[in-house]
């Protein structure tokens, strides 16, 4: 079944690879990004449709949702992939709160606003799904004092996943997933996983007939929050 899929932060890294794999499977993929030129180039490269979207800007999100509803009118999968990690080299007692605010604005409020605005379309789909790209760095059992803004933003994204699942019940599938440590601009060249592996679980959650609901996953397997 051909699906209409939005992927945020799709112009590079894991997001671009997710778009590439979904397009190759025959789905209608809307690749979003802040930078028009980079986004258009990435969309052309993988065969997706580009839509400009800055997930850190609430007004821009509202405009995107309004235009998407008018132009496309339906949605089957929302993949909240866009995110930032800008607090390397600091800890919970020394973090600049401007960094915390910027991180949470992008990594939590962005997905939250998009889910709120697009949920009516997803609930009309025959098999609506939300996939939040999270991180094991946000798992409660593994929290430490490094990267505090990034970690707490992903812990909160996991909590949002559970709350949206509680709200929607069986109407749509809502999951979070950890791609692992992936060789991207964010993960660095020393990361242990290729981008294809990092995208694998998100693509599976978007397309498989039977998937979990209200869970946190890595490598297609449920893990602890």
N, C-alpha and C. Protein backbone atom coordinates (compact mmCIF):
# COMPACT_ATOMS: atom_id res chain seq x y z
N UNK A 1 0.83 -1.20 0.00
CA UNK A 1 0.00 0.00 0.00
C UNK A 1 0.87 1.25 0.00
N UNK A 2 0.63 2.16 -0.93
CA UNK A 2 1.40 3.39 -1.06
C UNK A 2 1.03 4.35 0.07
N UNK A 3 2.02 4.84 0.79
CA UNK A 3 1.78 5.70 1.94
C UNK A 3 2.27 7.12 1.67
N UNK A 4 1.61 8.09 2.31
CA UNK A 4 2.06 9.48 2.29
C UNK A 4 2.81 9.70 3.61
N UNK A 5 4.09 10.07 3.50
CA UNK A 5 4.97 10.10 4.66
C UNK A 5 5.73 11.42 4.74
N UNK A 6 5.70 12.06 5.90
CA UNK A 6 6.51 13.24 6.17
C UNK A 6 7.73 12.81 6.99
N UNK A 7 8.91 13.27 6.56
CA UNK A 7 10.15 13.03 7.32
C UNK A 7 10.78 14.39 7.60
N UNK A 8 10.85 14.79 8.86
CA UNK A 8 11.48 16.06 9.20
C UNK A 8 12.99 15.89 9.26
N UNK A 9 13.70 16.97 8.96
CA UNK A 9 15.15 16.92 8.96
C UNK A 9 15.67 15.90 7.96
N UNK A 10 15.09 15.92 6.76
CA UNK A 10 15.41 14.88 5.79
C UNK A 10 16.50 15.21 4.81
N UNK A 11 17.17 16.35 4.98
CA UNK A 11 18.15 16.75 3.97
C UNK A 11 19.53 16.12 4.18
N UNK A 12 19.73 15.39 5.28
CA UNK A 12 21.04 14.77 5.50
C UNK A 12 20.91 13.62 6.49
N UNK A 13 21.98 12.87 6.64
CA UNK A 13 22.09 11.85 7.68
C UNK A 13 21.00 10.80 7.66
N UNK A 14 20.54 10.45 8.85
CA UNK A 14 19.53 9.41 9.00
C UNK A 14 18.24 9.80 8.29
N UNK A 15 17.85 11.06 8.40
CA UNK A 15 16.61 11.49 7.76
C UNK A 15 16.63 11.29 6.26
N UNK A 16 17.73 11.66 5.63
CA UNK A 16 17.84 11.49 4.18
C UNK A 16 17.81 10.02 3.80
N UNK A 17 18.47 9.20 4.59
CA UNK A 17 18.49 7.76 4.30
C UNK A 17 17.10 7.15 4.48
N UNK A 18 16.37 7.59 5.49
CA UNK A 18 14.99 7.13 5.67
C UNK A 18 14.18 7.47 4.42
N UNK A 19 14.30 8.72 3.95
CA UNK A 19 13.58 9.13 2.74
C UNK A 19 13.98 8.26 1.55
N UNK A 20 15.26 8.04 1.39
CA UNK A 20 15.76 7.24 0.26
C UNK A 20 15.15 5.84 0.26
N UNK A 21 15.16 5.19 1.43
CA UNK A 21 14.63 3.83 1.51
C UNK A 21 13.13 3.80 1.28
N UNK A 22 12.41 4.78 1.81
CA UNK A 22 10.95 4.80 1.65
C UNK A 22 10.56 5.07 0.20
N UNK A 23 11.28 5.97 -0.46
CA UNK A 23 11.00 6.24 -1.87
C UNK A 23 11.25 5.00 -2.70
N UNK A 24 12.34 4.28 -2.40
CA UNK A 24 12.66 3.06 -3.16
C UNK A 24 11.59 1.99 -3.01
N UNK A 25 10.79 2.09 -1.94
CA UNK A 25 9.70 1.14 -1.70
C UNK A 25 8.39 1.60 -2.35
N UNK A 26 8.42 2.77 -2.98
CA UNK A 26 7.26 3.23 -3.72
C UNK A 26 6.33 4.18 -2.98
N UNK A 27 6.78 4.74 -1.87
CA UNK A 27 5.92 5.62 -1.09
C UNK A 27 6.09 7.09 -1.50
N UNK A 28 5.07 7.91 -1.21
CA UNK A 28 5.12 9.35 -1.45
C UNK A 28 5.75 10.00 -0.23
N UNK A 29 6.98 10.47 -0.38
CA UNK A 29 7.74 10.98 0.75
C UNK A 29 7.92 12.49 0.63
N UNK A 30 7.59 13.17 1.72
CA UNK A 30 7.76 14.62 1.81
C UNK A 30 8.94 14.89 2.73
N UNK A 31 10.06 15.25 2.12
CA UNK A 31 11.30 15.52 2.84
C UNK A 31 11.29 16.98 3.26
N UNK A 32 11.46 17.23 4.55
CA UNK A 32 11.45 18.61 5.03
C UNK A 32 12.79 19.01 5.61
N UNK A 33 13.06 20.32 5.55
CA UNK A 33 14.28 20.87 6.10
C UNK A 33 14.19 22.38 6.14
N UNK A 34 15.07 23.00 6.90
CA UNK A 34 15.06 24.46 7.03
C UNK A 34 15.62 25.15 5.79
N UNK A 35 16.72 24.61 5.28
CA UNK A 35 17.43 25.23 4.17
C UNK A 35 16.83 24.78 2.84
N UNK A 36 16.32 25.73 2.06
CA UNK A 36 15.63 25.39 0.81
C UNK A 36 16.56 24.70 -0.18
N UNK A 37 17.73 25.26 -0.41
CA UNK A 37 18.63 24.69 -1.41
C UNK A 37 19.09 23.29 -1.02
N UNK A 38 19.50 23.10 0.24
CA UNK A 38 19.94 21.78 0.69
C UNK A 38 18.79 20.79 0.65
N UNK A 39 17.61 21.25 1.02
CA UNK A 39 16.45 20.37 1.02
C UNK A 39 16.06 19.95 -0.38
N UNK A 40 16.04 20.91 -1.30
CA UNK A 40 15.69 20.60 -2.69
C UNK A 40 16.71 19.65 -3.31
N UNK A 41 17.99 19.87 -3.01
CA UNK A 41 19.03 18.99 -3.54
C UNK A 41 18.87 17.57 -3.01
N UNK A 42 18.60 17.45 -1.71
CA UNK A 42 18.43 16.13 -1.10
C UNK A 42 17.20 15.43 -1.66
N UNK A 43 16.11 16.18 -1.80
CA UNK A 43 14.88 15.59 -2.32
C UNK A 43 15.07 15.10 -3.75
N UNK A 44 15.75 15.89 -4.55
CA UNK A 44 16.03 15.49 -5.93
C UNK A 44 16.90 14.24 -5.96
N UNK A 45 17.86 14.18 -5.05
CA UNK A 45 18.79 13.05 -4.99
C UNK A 45 18.08 11.73 -4.67
N UNK A 46 17.10 11.77 -3.79
CA UNK A 46 16.43 10.53 -3.36
C UNK A 46 15.07 10.31 -4.02
N UNK A 47 14.56 11.33 -4.72
CA UNK A 47 13.27 11.17 -5.38
C UNK A 47 12.08 11.53 -4.53
N UNK A 48 12.32 12.33 -3.49
CA UNK A 48 11.23 12.76 -2.60
C UNK A 48 10.70 14.14 -3.03
N UNK A 49 9.65 14.59 -2.37
CA UNK A 49 9.11 15.94 -2.58
C UNK A 49 9.59 16.81 -1.42
N UNK A 50 10.09 18.00 -1.72
CA UNK A 50 10.60 18.87 -0.67
C UNK A 50 9.55 19.85 -0.17
N UNK A 51 9.53 20.03 1.15
CA UNK A 51 8.73 21.08 1.79
C UNK A 51 9.61 21.76 2.84
N UNK A 52 9.70 23.08 2.79
CA UNK A 52 10.50 23.79 3.79
C UNK A 52 9.80 23.74 5.14
N UNK A 53 10.57 23.46 6.18
CA UNK A 53 10.01 23.42 7.53
C UNK A 53 11.12 23.61 8.56
N UNK A 54 10.94 24.61 9.42
CA UNK A 54 11.83 24.84 10.56
C UNK A 54 11.09 24.37 11.81
N UNK A 55 11.47 23.23 12.35
CA UNK A 55 10.73 22.66 13.48
C UNK A 55 10.96 23.43 14.78
N UNK A 56 11.88 24.38 14.79
CA UNK A 56 12.10 25.19 16.00
C UNK A 56 11.23 26.45 16.00
N UNK A 57 10.42 26.63 14.95
CA UNK A 57 9.62 27.84 14.80
C UNK A 57 8.15 27.47 14.77
N UNK A 58 7.44 27.79 15.85
CA UNK A 58 6.04 27.41 15.96
C UNK A 58 5.17 28.00 14.87
N UNK A 59 5.43 29.26 14.50
CA UNK A 59 4.64 29.89 13.44
C UNK A 59 4.87 29.20 12.10
N UNK A 60 6.12 28.84 11.83
CA UNK A 60 6.45 28.15 10.59
C UNK A 60 5.79 26.77 10.55
N UNK A 61 5.75 26.10 11.68
CA UNK A 61 5.09 24.79 11.75
C UNK A 61 3.61 24.93 11.42
N UNK A 62 2.96 25.94 11.98
CA UNK A 62 1.53 26.15 11.72
C UNK A 62 1.28 26.41 10.23
N UNK A 63 2.15 27.20 9.60
CA UNK A 63 2.02 27.48 8.17
C UNK A 63 2.21 26.20 7.36
N UNK A 64 3.20 25.41 7.74
CA UNK A 64 3.46 24.15 7.04
C UNK A 64 2.25 23.22 7.13
N UNK A 65 1.69 23.09 8.32
CA UNK A 65 0.53 22.20 8.52
C UNK A 65 -0.66 22.67 7.67
N UNK A 66 -0.90 23.97 7.69
CA UNK A 66 -2.03 24.52 6.92
C UNK A 66 -1.84 24.25 5.43
N UNK A 67 -0.64 24.51 4.92
CA UNK A 67 -0.37 24.30 3.50
C UNK A 67 -0.42 22.82 3.13
N UNK A 68 0.08 21.97 4.01
CA UNK A 68 0.08 20.54 3.73
C UNK A 68 -1.35 20.01 3.66
N UNK A 69 -2.18 20.44 4.58
CA UNK A 69 -3.58 20.01 4.57
C UNK A 69 -4.27 20.45 3.28
N UNK A 70 -3.98 21.68 2.83
CA UNK A 70 -4.61 22.19 1.62
C UNK A 70 -4.10 21.48 0.37
N UNK A 71 -2.79 21.27 0.30
CA UNK A 71 -2.17 20.74 -0.92
C UNK A 71 -2.26 19.22 -1.02
N UNK A 72 -2.07 18.54 0.09
CA UNK A 72 -2.00 17.07 0.06
C UNK A 72 -3.28 16.45 0.62
N UNK A 73 -3.72 16.95 1.76
CA UNK A 73 -5.02 16.55 2.29
C UNK A 73 -5.07 15.25 3.05
N UNK A 74 -3.98 14.51 3.07
CA UNK A 74 -3.97 13.24 3.80
C UNK A 74 -2.56 12.88 4.21
N UNK A 75 -2.44 12.08 5.26
CA UNK A 75 -1.13 11.68 5.78
C UNK A 75 -1.25 10.33 6.46
N UNK A 76 -0.27 9.47 6.19
CA UNK A 76 -0.27 8.13 6.79
C UNK A 76 0.82 7.97 7.86
N UNK A 77 1.96 8.63 7.66
CA UNK A 77 3.06 8.46 8.60
C UNK A 77 3.77 9.80 8.82
N UNK A 78 4.02 10.13 10.08
CA UNK A 78 4.84 11.28 10.45
C UNK A 78 6.09 10.75 11.15
N UNK A 79 7.26 11.06 10.57
CA UNK A 79 8.52 10.66 11.19
C UNK A 79 9.23 11.91 11.68
N UNK A 80 9.24 12.09 12.99
CA UNK A 80 9.88 13.25 13.62
C UNK A 80 11.36 12.94 13.81
N UNK A 81 12.14 13.28 12.79
CA UNK A 81 13.57 12.98 12.80
C UNK A 81 14.44 14.19 13.13
N UNK A 82 13.98 15.39 12.77
CA UNK A 82 14.81 16.58 12.96
C UNK A 82 15.20 16.75 14.42
N UNK A 83 16.46 17.03 14.65
CA UNK A 83 16.93 17.22 16.02
C UNK A 83 18.32 17.82 16.04
N UNK A 84 18.71 18.36 17.18
CA UNK A 84 20.02 18.97 17.32
C UNK A 84 20.71 18.42 18.58
N UNK A 85 22.05 18.41 18.53
CA UNK A 85 22.88 18.08 19.69
C UNK A 85 23.96 19.15 19.74
N UNK A 86 23.80 20.11 20.65
CA UNK A 86 24.71 21.27 20.69
C UNK A 86 25.31 21.48 22.07
N UNK A 87 25.29 20.44 22.92
CA UNK A 87 25.80 20.62 24.29
C UNK A 87 26.92 19.65 24.62
N UNK A 88 27.71 19.28 23.62
CA UNK A 88 28.87 18.44 23.88
C UNK A 88 29.88 19.20 24.74
N UNK A 89 30.55 18.49 25.63
CA UNK A 89 31.60 19.10 26.43
C UNK A 89 31.12 19.84 27.66
N UNK A 90 29.84 19.69 28.00
CA UNK A 90 29.33 20.32 29.22
C UNK A 90 28.62 19.28 30.07
N UNK A 91 28.13 19.69 31.24
CA UNK A 91 27.42 18.74 32.10
C UNK A 91 26.23 19.44 32.75
N UNK A 92 25.50 18.70 33.55
CA UNK A 92 24.23 19.18 34.08
C UNK A 92 24.39 20.41 34.98
N UNK A 93 25.56 20.60 35.60
CA UNK A 93 25.77 21.74 36.49
C UNK A 93 26.38 22.94 35.79
N UNK A 94 26.75 22.80 34.53
CA UNK A 94 27.41 23.89 33.83
C UNK A 94 26.73 24.28 32.51
N UNK A 95 25.61 23.66 32.23
CA UNK A 95 24.94 23.91 30.96
C UNK A 95 24.36 25.31 30.88
N UNK A 96 24.47 25.93 29.75
CA UNK A 96 23.87 27.23 29.46
C UNK A 96 22.39 26.99 29.16
N UNK A 97 21.51 27.67 29.87
CA UNK A 97 20.08 27.41 29.70
C UNK A 97 19.54 27.89 28.36
N UNK A 98 20.26 28.78 27.69
CA UNK A 98 19.89 29.13 26.32
C UNK A 98 20.05 27.91 25.42
N UNK A 99 21.06 27.09 25.69
CA UNK A 99 21.28 25.86 24.94
C UNK A 99 20.18 24.85 25.25
N UNK A 100 19.80 24.77 26.51
CA UNK A 100 18.70 23.87 26.90
C UNK A 100 17.42 24.28 26.18
N UNK A 101 17.12 25.57 26.22
CA UNK A 101 15.90 26.07 25.59
C UNK A 101 15.89 25.76 24.09
N UNK A 102 16.99 26.05 23.41
CA UNK A 102 17.07 25.83 21.96
C UNK A 102 16.93 24.34 21.63
N UNK A 103 17.55 23.50 22.45
CA UNK A 103 17.48 22.06 22.22
C UNK A 103 16.07 21.53 22.39
N UNK A 104 15.41 21.95 23.46
CA UNK A 104 14.05 21.47 23.72
C UNK A 104 13.07 22.03 22.69
N UNK A 105 13.29 23.26 22.25
CA UNK A 105 12.44 23.85 21.22
C UNK A 105 12.44 23.00 19.95
N UNK A 106 13.61 22.51 19.58
CA UNK A 106 13.75 21.70 18.36
C UNK A 106 13.37 20.24 18.59
N UNK A 107 13.92 19.64 19.64
CA UNK A 107 13.79 18.19 19.83
C UNK A 107 12.48 17.74 20.47
N UNK A 108 11.80 18.65 21.16
CA UNK A 108 10.54 18.29 21.82
C UNK A 108 9.35 19.09 21.30
N UNK A 109 9.45 20.42 21.37
CA UNK A 109 8.30 21.23 20.97
C UNK A 109 7.98 21.07 19.49
N UNK A 110 8.99 20.93 18.66
CA UNK A 110 8.76 20.74 17.24
C UNK A 110 7.92 19.51 16.95
N UNK A 111 8.37 18.33 17.39
CA UNK A 111 7.54 17.13 17.21
C UNK A 111 6.16 17.26 17.84
N UNK A 112 6.09 17.86 19.01
CA UNK A 112 4.81 18.00 19.72
C UNK A 112 3.83 18.83 18.89
N UNK A 113 4.29 19.97 18.39
CA UNK A 113 3.44 20.83 17.57
C UNK A 113 2.98 20.11 16.30
N UNK A 114 3.90 19.40 15.67
CA UNK A 114 3.55 18.69 14.44
C UNK A 114 2.52 17.59 14.71
N UNK A 115 2.69 16.87 15.79
CA UNK A 115 1.72 15.82 16.12
C UNK A 115 0.35 16.43 16.38
N UNK A 116 0.31 17.51 17.17
CA UNK A 116 -0.97 18.17 17.43
C UNK A 116 -1.66 18.58 16.14
N UNK A 117 -0.91 19.19 15.25
CA UNK A 117 -1.51 19.73 14.04
C UNK A 117 -1.87 18.70 13.00
N UNK A 118 -1.11 17.59 12.95
CA UNK A 118 -1.31 16.59 11.91
C UNK A 118 -2.10 15.38 12.37
N UNK A 119 -2.39 15.30 13.67
CA UNK A 119 -3.10 14.14 14.18
C UNK A 119 -4.45 13.91 13.50
N UNK A 120 -5.23 14.96 13.21
CA UNK A 120 -6.50 14.70 12.51
C UNK A 120 -6.32 13.97 11.18
N UNK A 121 -5.27 14.30 10.44
CA UNK A 121 -5.01 13.60 9.18
C UNK A 121 -4.59 12.16 9.44
N UNK A 122 -3.73 11.96 10.43
CA UNK A 122 -3.24 10.61 10.74
C UNK A 122 -4.37 9.71 11.21
N UNK A 123 -5.31 10.27 11.96
CA UNK A 123 -6.41 9.46 12.48
C UNK A 123 -7.42 9.09 11.39
N UNK A 124 -7.39 9.83 10.28
CA UNK A 124 -8.25 9.48 9.14
C UNK A 124 -7.61 8.42 8.25
N UNK A 125 -6.32 8.20 8.42
CA UNK A 125 -5.61 7.20 7.63
C UNK A 125 -6.06 5.80 8.04
N UNK A 126 -5.97 4.87 7.11
CA UNK A 126 -6.31 3.48 7.42
C UNK A 126 -5.29 2.85 8.37
N UNK A 127 -4.10 3.44 8.45
CA UNK A 127 -3.05 2.88 9.31
C UNK A 127 -2.06 3.98 9.68
N UNK A 128 -2.57 5.02 10.37
CA UNK A 128 -1.75 6.16 10.73
C UNK A 128 -0.67 5.81 11.74
N UNK A 129 0.49 6.44 11.55
CA UNK A 129 1.63 6.14 12.44
C UNK A 129 2.46 7.39 12.72
N UNK A 130 2.94 7.48 13.96
CA UNK A 130 3.92 8.50 14.35
C UNK A 130 5.16 7.78 14.83
N UNK A 131 6.31 8.21 14.30
CA UNK A 131 7.59 7.63 14.70
C UNK A 131 8.49 8.76 15.17
N UNK A 132 8.83 8.77 16.44
CA UNK A 132 9.71 9.78 17.00
C UNK A 132 11.13 9.23 17.08
N UNK A 133 12.06 9.89 16.38
CA UNK A 133 13.46 9.45 16.42
C UNK A 133 14.07 9.97 17.71
N UNK A 134 14.25 9.06 18.64
CA UNK A 134 14.77 9.41 19.97
C UNK A 134 16.22 8.93 20.09
N UNK A 135 16.63 8.58 21.29
CA UNK A 135 18.00 8.13 21.52
C UNK A 135 18.08 7.36 22.84
N UNK A 136 18.94 6.37 22.87
CA UNK A 136 19.21 5.66 24.11
C UNK A 136 19.78 6.59 25.17
N UNK A 137 20.32 7.74 24.75
CA UNK A 137 20.83 8.71 25.71
C UNK A 137 19.72 9.33 26.54
N UNK A 138 18.46 9.14 26.10
CA UNK A 138 17.33 9.64 26.86
C UNK A 138 16.66 8.59 27.72
N UNK A 139 17.15 7.35 27.66
CA UNK A 139 16.57 6.28 28.48
C UNK A 139 16.84 6.55 29.96
N UNK A 140 15.82 6.47 30.78
CA UNK A 140 15.95 6.78 32.20
C UNK A 140 17.05 5.97 32.86
N UNK A 141 17.11 4.68 32.57
CA UNK A 141 18.08 3.81 33.24
C UNK A 141 19.53 4.12 32.87
N UNK A 142 19.73 4.85 31.77
CA UNK A 142 21.10 5.12 31.31
C UNK A 142 21.49 6.60 31.41
N UNK A 143 20.69 7.41 32.10
CA UNK A 143 21.00 8.83 32.18
C UNK A 143 22.29 9.08 32.97
N UNK A 144 23.08 10.02 32.45
CA UNK A 144 24.26 10.50 33.18
C UNK A 144 24.31 12.01 33.03
N UNK A 145 25.36 12.64 33.53
CA UNK A 145 25.33 14.10 33.60
C UNK A 145 25.89 14.80 32.36
N UNK A 146 26.37 14.05 31.37
CA UNK A 146 26.88 14.67 30.15
C UNK A 146 25.73 14.93 29.17
N UNK A 147 25.96 15.82 28.22
CA UNK A 147 24.96 16.18 27.21
C UNK A 147 23.56 16.38 27.85
N UNK A 148 23.46 17.20 28.88
CA UNK A 148 22.21 17.28 29.63
C UNK A 148 21.02 17.79 28.82
N UNK A 149 21.24 18.77 27.95
CA UNK A 149 20.12 19.30 27.17
C UNK A 149 19.61 18.25 26.19
N UNK A 150 20.52 17.61 25.49
CA UNK A 150 20.12 16.58 24.53
C UNK A 150 19.43 15.42 25.22
N UNK A 151 20.03 14.96 26.31
CA UNK A 151 19.46 13.81 27.03
C UNK A 151 18.03 14.11 27.52
N UNK A 152 17.86 15.26 28.16
CA UNK A 152 16.54 15.54 28.73
C UNK A 152 15.51 15.79 27.64
N UNK A 153 15.95 16.31 26.50
CA UNK A 153 15.02 16.52 25.39
C UNK A 153 14.52 15.18 24.85
N UNK A 154 15.39 14.18 24.82
CA UNK A 154 14.99 12.87 24.31
C UNK A 154 14.19 12.08 25.36
N UNK A 155 14.50 12.27 26.64
CA UNK A 155 13.66 11.69 27.69
C UNK A 155 12.24 12.24 27.59
N UNK A 156 12.15 13.54 27.38
CA UNK A 156 10.84 14.18 27.23
C UNK A 156 10.13 13.72 25.96
N UNK A 157 10.88 13.51 24.88
CA UNK A 157 10.27 13.02 23.63
C UNK A 157 9.69 11.62 23.84
N UNK A 158 10.40 10.81 24.61
CA UNK A 158 9.87 9.48 24.94
C UNK A 158 8.57 9.60 25.74
N UNK A 159 8.56 10.52 26.69
CA UNK A 159 7.34 10.73 27.48
C UNK A 159 6.19 11.21 26.59
N UNK A 160 6.49 12.10 25.67
CA UNK A 160 5.47 12.57 24.73
C UNK A 160 4.92 11.40 23.92
N UNK A 161 5.78 10.50 23.51
CA UNK A 161 5.36 9.31 22.75
C UNK A 161 4.30 8.54 23.53
N UNK A 162 4.56 8.30 24.80
CA UNK A 162 3.62 7.56 25.64
C UNK A 162 2.31 8.32 25.83
N UNK A 163 2.39 9.63 25.98
CA UNK A 163 1.17 10.42 26.19
C UNK A 163 0.30 10.47 24.94
N UNK A 164 0.94 10.60 23.77
CA UNK A 164 0.17 10.61 22.53
C UNK A 164 -0.45 9.23 22.29
N UNK A 165 0.29 8.19 22.62
CA UNK A 165 -0.26 6.83 22.52
C UNK A 165 -1.47 6.69 23.44
N UNK A 166 -1.37 7.22 24.66
CA UNK A 166 -2.49 7.16 25.59
C UNK A 166 -3.69 7.91 25.05
N UNK A 167 -3.43 9.03 24.40
CA UNK A 167 -4.52 9.84 23.84
C UNK A 167 -5.20 9.13 22.67
N UNK A 168 -4.42 8.56 21.78
CA UNK A 168 -4.95 8.03 20.53
C UNK A 168 -5.35 6.56 20.60
N UNK A 169 -4.85 5.85 21.60
CA UNK A 169 -5.22 4.44 21.74
C UNK A 169 -4.86 3.65 20.51
N UNK A 170 -5.83 2.94 19.96
CA UNK A 170 -5.58 2.09 18.80
C UNK A 170 -5.85 2.79 17.47
N UNK A 171 -6.21 4.09 17.51
CA UNK A 171 -6.50 4.81 16.27
C UNK A 171 -5.27 4.91 15.38
N UNK A 172 -4.10 5.15 15.99
CA UNK A 172 -2.85 5.20 15.25
C UNK A 172 -1.76 4.50 16.08
N UNK A 173 -0.67 4.15 15.43
CA UNK A 173 0.49 3.60 16.12
C UNK A 173 1.45 4.74 16.44
N UNK A 174 1.91 4.82 17.67
CA UNK A 174 2.83 5.88 18.10
C UNK A 174 4.01 5.22 18.81
N UNK A 175 5.19 5.37 18.24
CA UNK A 175 6.38 4.74 18.82
C UNK A 175 7.57 5.70 18.79
N UNK A 176 8.54 5.43 19.65
CA UNK A 176 9.84 6.10 19.62
C UNK A 176 10.88 5.05 19.27
N UNK A 177 11.96 5.47 18.61
CA UNK A 177 13.02 4.51 18.30
C UNK A 177 14.38 5.17 18.42
N UNK A 178 15.35 4.32 18.76
CA UNK A 178 16.75 4.74 18.87
C UNK A 178 17.52 4.16 17.69
N UNK A 179 18.15 5.00 16.87
CA UNK A 179 18.89 4.48 15.72
C UNK A 179 20.25 3.91 16.07
N UNK A 180 20.70 4.11 17.32
CA UNK A 180 22.05 3.72 17.70
C UNK A 180 23.04 4.82 17.35
N UNK A 181 24.32 4.53 17.54
CA UNK A 181 25.37 5.52 17.28
C UNK A 181 25.75 5.43 15.81
N UNK A 182 25.33 6.41 15.03
CA UNK A 182 25.39 6.34 13.57
C UNK A 182 26.40 7.36 13.02
N UNK A 183 27.10 6.96 11.97
CA UNK A 183 28.09 7.83 11.32
C UNK A 183 27.38 8.90 10.48
N UNK A 184 27.09 10.02 11.14
CA UNK A 184 26.47 11.18 10.50
C UNK A 184 27.21 12.41 10.99
N UNK A 185 26.78 13.59 10.53
CA UNK A 185 27.38 14.83 11.04
C UNK A 185 27.22 14.93 12.54
N UNK A 186 26.08 14.46 13.07
CA UNK A 186 25.84 14.50 14.51
C UNK A 186 26.62 13.41 15.23
N UNK A 187 26.59 12.21 14.70
CA UNK A 187 27.23 11.08 15.37
C UNK A 187 28.74 11.06 15.26
N UNK A 188 29.26 11.66 14.19
CA UNK A 188 30.70 11.70 13.99
C UNK A 188 31.21 10.50 13.21
N UNK A 189 32.44 10.64 12.71
CA UNK A 189 33.02 9.60 11.86
C UNK A 189 33.41 8.35 12.64
N UNK A 190 33.52 8.46 13.96
CA UNK A 190 33.91 7.31 14.77
C UNK A 190 32.75 6.44 15.22
N UNK A 191 31.54 6.80 14.81
CA UNK A 191 30.36 6.03 15.23
C UNK A 191 30.40 4.61 14.66
N UNK A 192 29.73 3.70 15.35
CA UNK A 192 29.83 2.28 15.03
C UNK A 192 28.89 1.81 13.93
N UNK A 193 27.88 2.61 13.57
CA UNK A 193 26.87 2.14 12.63
C UNK A 193 26.82 2.97 11.35
N UNK A 194 26.60 2.31 10.22
CA UNK A 194 26.37 3.05 8.98
C UNK A 194 24.97 3.65 8.99
N UNK A 195 24.76 4.65 8.16
CA UNK A 195 23.47 5.36 8.15
C UNK A 195 22.33 4.43 7.74
N UNK A 196 22.64 3.43 6.90
CA UNK A 196 21.60 2.49 6.47
C UNK A 196 21.01 1.73 7.66
N UNK A 197 21.87 1.35 8.59
CA UNK A 197 21.42 0.64 9.79
C UNK A 197 20.64 1.57 10.71
N UNK A 198 21.07 2.83 10.79
CA UNK A 198 20.37 3.79 11.64
C UNK A 198 18.96 4.06 11.18
N UNK A 199 18.74 3.97 9.86
CA UNK A 199 17.41 4.25 9.30
C UNK A 199 16.51 3.03 9.33
N UNK A 200 17.05 1.87 9.48
CA UNK A 200 16.32 0.61 9.28
C UNK A 200 15.05 0.49 10.12
N UNK A 201 15.14 0.74 11.41
CA UNK A 201 13.98 0.54 12.29
C UNK A 201 12.88 1.54 11.99
N UNK A 202 13.25 2.79 11.67
CA UNK A 202 12.23 3.79 11.33
C UNK A 202 11.48 3.39 10.07
N UNK A 203 12.19 2.91 9.08
CA UNK A 203 11.56 2.47 7.83
C UNK A 203 10.64 1.28 8.09
N UNK A 204 11.09 0.37 8.92
CA UNK A 204 10.28 -0.80 9.29
C UNK A 204 9.01 -0.36 10.04
N UNK A 205 9.15 0.56 10.98
CA UNK A 205 7.98 1.04 11.72
C UNK A 205 6.99 1.76 10.80
N UNK A 206 7.50 2.38 9.76
CA UNK A 206 6.64 3.11 8.83
C UNK A 206 5.90 2.19 7.88
N UNK A 207 6.45 1.01 7.61
CA UNK A 207 5.92 0.21 6.50
C UNK A 207 5.46 -1.20 6.84
N UNK A 208 5.94 -1.77 7.94
CA UNK A 208 5.58 -3.15 8.26
C UNK A 208 4.10 -3.26 8.58
N UNK A 209 3.50 -4.38 8.23
CA UNK A 209 2.07 -4.57 8.47
C UNK A 209 1.75 -4.63 9.96
N UNK A 210 2.56 -5.34 10.73
CA UNK A 210 2.33 -5.50 12.16
C UNK A 210 3.51 -4.93 12.93
N UNK A 211 3.25 -3.91 13.75
CA UNK A 211 4.30 -3.31 14.57
C UNK A 211 3.77 -3.09 15.98
N UNK A 212 4.70 -2.78 16.88
CA UNK A 212 4.34 -2.47 18.26
C UNK A 212 3.59 -1.14 18.31
N UNK A 213 3.01 -0.83 19.45
CA UNK A 213 2.33 0.46 19.64
C UNK A 213 2.63 0.97 21.04
N UNK A 214 3.07 2.24 21.10
CA UNK A 214 3.38 2.83 22.40
C UNK A 214 4.65 2.29 23.01
N UNK A 215 5.67 2.01 22.17
CA UNK A 215 6.91 1.39 22.65
C UNK A 215 8.13 2.20 22.22
N UNK A 216 9.27 1.84 22.82
CA UNK A 216 10.59 2.38 22.50
C UNK A 216 11.38 1.23 21.90
N UNK A 217 11.94 1.43 20.70
CA UNK A 217 12.57 0.32 20.00
C UNK A 217 13.97 0.67 19.49
N UNK A 218 14.78 -0.36 19.37
CA UNK A 218 16.06 -0.29 18.67
C UNK A 218 16.24 -1.61 17.93
N UNK A 219 16.66 -1.55 16.70
CA UNK A 219 16.85 -2.76 15.89
C UNK A 219 15.59 -3.62 15.86
N UNK A 220 14.44 -2.95 15.71
CA UNK A 220 13.14 -3.61 15.60
C UNK A 220 12.75 -4.39 16.86
N UNK A 221 13.41 -4.07 17.97
CA UNK A 221 13.15 -4.77 19.23
C UNK A 221 12.80 -3.76 20.33
N UNK A 222 11.82 -4.05 21.13
CA UNK A 222 11.41 -3.16 22.22
C UNK A 222 12.52 -3.07 23.26
N UNK A 223 12.84 -1.84 23.69
CA UNK A 223 13.85 -1.63 24.74
C UNK A 223 13.20 -0.84 25.87
N UNK A 224 13.91 -0.74 27.00
CA UNK A 224 13.40 -0.02 28.17
C UNK A 224 13.43 1.48 27.95
N UNK A 225 12.41 2.14 28.50
CA UNK A 225 12.35 3.60 28.43
C UNK A 225 13.45 4.23 29.30
